[in-house]
Amino acid sequence: MEYPQEYEAEAVGRRIRSGLADRGMTSEELADAIGVSRFTVSSWLSGKTRMKLADAVKVCDVFGWPLDRLVRREGAVQAEA
């Protein structure tokens, strides 16, 4: 299976931005909710840095998402059980 050439942190940043917009939250509110700095959230949104797994779990908890919604590679097909 081939994956997109896009840096995955950029896709994660787009998903976080979408989650913020859907909930009417600011990046500062998200940062406060999960215990990181606004700079950290800004770095995720811009795709400059990758998230730690623990932070990804916290973001998903805030948004009510399963973890794979945030971190799955775009175009990846979920394996059948």
N, C-alpha and C. Protein backbone atom coordinates (compact mmCIF):
# COMPACT_ATOMS: atom_id res chain seq x y z
N MET A 1 0.85 -1.17 0.00
CA MET A 1 0.00 0.00 0.00
C MET A 1 0.89 1.24 0.00
N GLU A 2 0.56 2.21 -0.80
CA GLU A 2 1.32 3.45 -0.84
C GLU A 2 0.63 4.50 0.02
N TYR A 3 1.45 5.31 0.64
CA TYR A 3 0.94 6.40 1.46
C TYR A 3 1.26 7.72 0.79
N PRO A 4 0.47 8.76 1.07
CA PRO A 4 0.75 10.06 0.49
C PRO A 4 2.13 10.54 0.92
N GLN A 5 2.75 11.37 0.10
CA GLN A 5 4.07 11.91 0.42
C GLN A 5 4.00 13.04 1.44
N GLU A 6 2.81 13.50 1.73
CA GLU A 6 2.63 14.60 2.66
C GLU A 6 3.16 14.24 4.04
N TYR A 7 3.81 15.18 4.67
CA TYR A 7 4.26 15.03 6.05
C TYR A 7 3.03 14.87 6.94
N GLU A 8 2.97 13.78 7.67
CA GLU A 8 1.77 13.46 8.42
C GLU A 8 1.40 14.51 9.47
N ALA A 9 2.37 15.23 9.99
CA ALA A 9 2.05 16.24 10.99
C ALA A 9 1.14 17.32 10.40
N GLU A 10 1.27 17.58 9.11
CA GLU A 10 0.39 18.57 8.47
C GLU A 10 -1.05 18.08 8.45
N ALA A 11 -1.25 16.80 8.19
CA ALA A 11 -2.61 16.23 8.19
C ALA A 11 -3.20 16.27 9.59
N VAL A 12 -2.40 15.95 10.59
CA VAL A 12 -2.86 16.02 11.97
C VAL A 12 -3.24 17.46 12.32
N GLY A 13 -2.44 18.41 11.89
CA GLY A 13 -2.75 19.81 12.15
C GLY A 13 -4.08 20.23 11.54
N ARG A 14 -4.35 19.77 10.32
CA ARG A 14 -5.64 20.08 9.69
C ARG A 14 -6.80 19.46 10.47
N ARG A 15 -6.60 18.25 10.97
CA ARG A 15 -7.67 17.60 11.74
C ARG A 15 -7.93 18.34 13.05
N ILE A 16 -6.87 18.76 13.72
CA ILE A 16 -7.04 19.52 14.96
C ILE A 16 -7.77 20.83 14.67
N ARG A 17 -7.37 21.51 13.62
CA ARG A 17 -8.02 22.78 13.24
C ARG A 17 -9.51 22.54 12.99
N SER A 18 -9.83 21.45 12.34
CA SER A 18 -11.23 21.11 12.07
C SER A 18 -11.98 20.85 13.38
N GLY A 19 -11.35 20.12 14.28
CA GLY A 19 -11.97 19.84 15.58
C GLY A 19 -12.22 21.11 16.37
N LEU A 20 -11.28 22.03 16.33
CA LEU A 20 -11.46 23.32 17.01
C LEU A 20 -12.64 24.08 16.42
N ALA A 21 -12.70 24.14 15.10
CA ALA A 21 -13.78 24.87 14.43
C ALA A 21 -15.13 24.24 14.73
N ASP A 22 -15.19 22.91 14.72
CA ASP A 22 -16.45 22.21 14.98
C ASP A 22 -16.99 22.50 16.38
N ARG A 23 -16.08 22.73 17.33
CA ARG A 23 -16.48 22.95 18.71
C ARG A 23 -16.45 24.41 19.12
N GLY A 24 -16.07 25.28 18.20
CA GLY A 24 -15.99 26.70 18.52
C GLY A 24 -14.93 27.00 19.56
N MET A 25 -13.87 26.21 19.57
CA MET A 25 -12.78 26.38 20.53
C MET A 25 -11.62 27.14 19.90
N THR A 26 -10.84 27.77 20.73
CA THR A 26 -9.60 28.39 20.28
C THR A 26 -8.45 27.44 20.59
N SER A 27 -7.33 27.69 19.96
CA SER A 27 -6.14 26.88 20.25
C SER A 27 -5.70 27.07 21.69
N GLU A 28 -5.91 28.26 22.23
CA GLU A 28 -5.57 28.52 23.63
C GLU A 28 -6.45 27.69 24.57
N GLU A 29 -7.73 27.58 24.26
CA GLU A 29 -8.63 26.75 25.08
C GLU A 29 -8.22 25.29 25.03
N LEU A 30 -7.83 24.82 23.84
CA LEU A 30 -7.36 23.43 23.73
C LEU A 30 -6.09 23.25 24.55
N ALA A 31 -5.16 24.18 24.43
CA ALA A 31 -3.91 24.09 25.18
C ALA A 31 -4.19 24.00 26.68
N ASP A 32 -5.07 24.85 27.18
CA ASP A 32 -5.42 24.82 28.60
C ASP A 32 -6.08 23.50 28.99
N ALA A 33 -6.94 22.98 28.12
CA ALA A 33 -7.68 21.75 28.43
C ALA A 33 -6.77 20.53 28.53
N ILE A 34 -5.67 20.53 27.77
CA ILE A 34 -4.81 19.34 27.78
C ILE A 34 -3.47 19.57 28.46
N GLY A 35 -3.24 20.79 28.96
CA GLY A 35 -2.04 21.05 29.75
C GLY A 35 -0.76 21.26 28.96
N VAL A 36 -0.87 21.90 27.80
CA VAL A 36 0.31 22.25 27.02
C VAL A 36 0.27 23.74 26.72
N SER A 37 1.35 24.26 26.16
CA SER A 37 1.39 25.69 25.84
C SER A 37 0.66 25.99 24.54
N ARG A 38 0.30 27.27 24.36
CA ARG A 38 -0.30 27.69 23.09
C ARG A 38 0.69 27.50 21.96
N PHE A 39 1.97 27.69 22.23
CA PHE A 39 3.01 27.50 21.22
C PHE A 39 3.01 26.05 20.74
N THR A 40 2.84 25.11 21.65
CA THR A 40 2.81 23.69 21.27
C THR A 40 1.65 23.41 20.34
N VAL A 41 0.46 23.89 20.69
CA VAL A 41 -0.70 23.68 19.82
C VAL A 41 -0.49 24.36 18.48
N SER A 42 0.07 25.56 18.49
CA SER A 42 0.35 26.26 17.24
C SER A 42 1.31 25.45 16.36
N SER A 43 2.29 24.83 16.96
CA SER A 43 3.24 24.00 16.20
C SER A 43 2.56 22.79 15.59
N TRP A 44 1.60 22.21 16.31
CA TRP A 44 0.84 21.08 15.74
C TRP A 44 -0.01 21.56 14.58
N LEU A 45 -0.68 22.69 14.76
CA LEU A 45 -1.57 23.21 13.73
C LEU A 45 -0.82 23.51 12.44
N SER A 46 0.39 23.98 12.56
CA SER A 46 1.18 24.33 11.38
C SER A 46 1.91 23.13 10.79
N GLY A 47 1.90 22.00 11.50
CA GLY A 47 2.60 20.82 11.02
C GLY A 47 4.09 20.86 11.24
N LYS A 48 4.55 21.78 12.09
CA LYS A 48 5.98 21.91 12.34
C LYS A 48 6.51 20.83 13.27
N THR A 49 5.66 20.34 14.16
CA THR A 49 6.09 19.30 15.09
C THR A 49 5.05 18.19 15.14
N ARG A 50 5.53 17.02 15.48
CA ARG A 50 4.64 15.88 15.68
C ARG A 50 4.25 15.82 17.15
N MET A 51 3.08 15.26 17.40
CA MET A 51 2.56 15.17 18.75
C MET A 51 3.11 13.95 19.46
N LYS A 52 3.21 14.06 20.78
CA LYS A 52 3.46 12.88 21.61
C LYS A 52 2.16 12.10 21.67
N LEU A 53 2.25 10.80 21.82
CA LEU A 53 1.05 9.96 21.87
C LEU A 53 0.13 10.39 23.01
N ALA A 54 0.69 10.69 24.17
CA ALA A 54 -0.14 11.10 25.31
C ALA A 54 -0.94 12.36 24.99
N ASP A 55 -0.32 13.30 24.26
CA ASP A 55 -1.04 14.52 23.88
C ASP A 55 -2.12 14.23 22.85
N ALA A 56 -1.84 13.32 21.93
CA ALA A 56 -2.84 12.94 20.93
C ALA A 56 -4.07 12.34 21.61
N VAL A 57 -3.84 11.51 22.62
CA VAL A 57 -4.95 10.90 23.36
C VAL A 57 -5.78 11.99 24.05
N LYS A 58 -5.09 12.97 24.65
CA LYS A 58 -5.81 14.06 25.33
C LYS A 58 -6.64 14.88 24.35
N VAL A 59 -6.06 15.19 23.19
CA VAL A 59 -6.81 15.95 22.17
C VAL A 59 -8.06 15.17 21.76
N CYS A 60 -7.90 13.87 21.54
CA CYS A 60 -9.05 13.06 21.14
C CYS A 60 -10.10 13.00 22.24
N ASP A 61 -9.67 12.97 23.49
CA ASP A 61 -10.63 13.00 24.60
C ASP A 61 -11.43 14.30 24.58
N VAL A 62 -10.76 15.42 24.35
CA VAL A 62 -11.44 16.72 24.30
C VAL A 62 -12.45 16.75 23.15
N PHE A 63 -12.05 16.22 22.00
CA PHE A 63 -12.90 16.27 20.82
C PHE A 63 -13.91 15.12 20.77
N GLY A 64 -13.77 14.12 21.65
CA GLY A 64 -14.67 12.98 21.62
C GLY A 64 -14.42 12.07 20.43
N TRP A 65 -13.16 12.00 19.99
CA TRP A 65 -12.78 11.21 18.82
C TRP A 65 -12.05 9.94 19.22
N PRO A 66 -12.16 8.89 18.42
CA PRO A 66 -11.24 7.77 18.59
C PRO A 66 -9.85 8.22 18.12
N LEU A 67 -8.81 7.65 18.66
CA LEU A 67 -7.45 8.07 18.33
C LEU A 67 -7.15 7.97 16.84
N ASP A 68 -7.67 6.95 16.19
CA ASP A 68 -7.32 6.79 14.76
C ASP A 68 -7.88 7.91 13.90
N ARG A 69 -8.90 8.60 14.34
CA ARG A 69 -9.42 9.74 13.56
C ARG A 69 -8.37 10.85 13.46
N LEU A 70 -7.57 10.99 14.49
CA LEU A 70 -6.55 12.03 14.49
C LEU A 70 -5.27 11.59 13.80
N VAL A 71 -4.86 10.36 14.01
CA VAL A 71 -3.51 9.98 13.58
C VAL A 71 -3.43 9.07 12.36
N ARG A 72 -4.53 8.55 11.89
CA ARG A 72 -4.47 7.66 10.73
C ARG A 72 -3.96 8.40 9.51
N ARG A 73 -3.12 7.73 8.76
CA ARG A 73 -2.60 8.32 7.53
C ARG A 73 -3.75 8.52 6.55
N GLU A 74 -3.72 9.65 5.86
CA GLU A 74 -4.76 9.89 4.87
C GLU A 74 -4.62 8.88 3.76
N GLY A 75 -5.71 8.29 3.36
CA GLY A 75 -5.71 7.30 2.29
C GLY A 75 -5.44 5.90 2.78
N ALA A 76 -5.13 5.73 4.08
CA ALA A 76 -4.86 4.39 4.60
C ALA A 76 -6.16 3.63 4.75
N VAL A 77 -6.10 2.37 4.47
CA VAL A 77 -7.27 1.50 4.59
C VAL A 77 -7.14 0.73 5.89
N GLN A 78 -8.22 0.72 6.68
CA GLN A 78 -8.20 0.00 7.94
C GLN A 78 -8.22 -1.49 7.66
N ALA A 79 -7.36 -2.24 8.31
CA ALA A 79 -7.29 -3.69 8.14
C ALA A 79 -8.53 -4.33 8.72
N GLU A 80 -9.03 -5.35 8.04
CA GLU A 80 -10.19 -6.06 8.54
C GLU A 80 -9.74 -7.06 9.60
N ALA A 81 -10.54 -7.20 10.63
CA ALA A 81 -10.21 -8.12 11.72
C ALA A 81 -10.54 -9.54 11.36
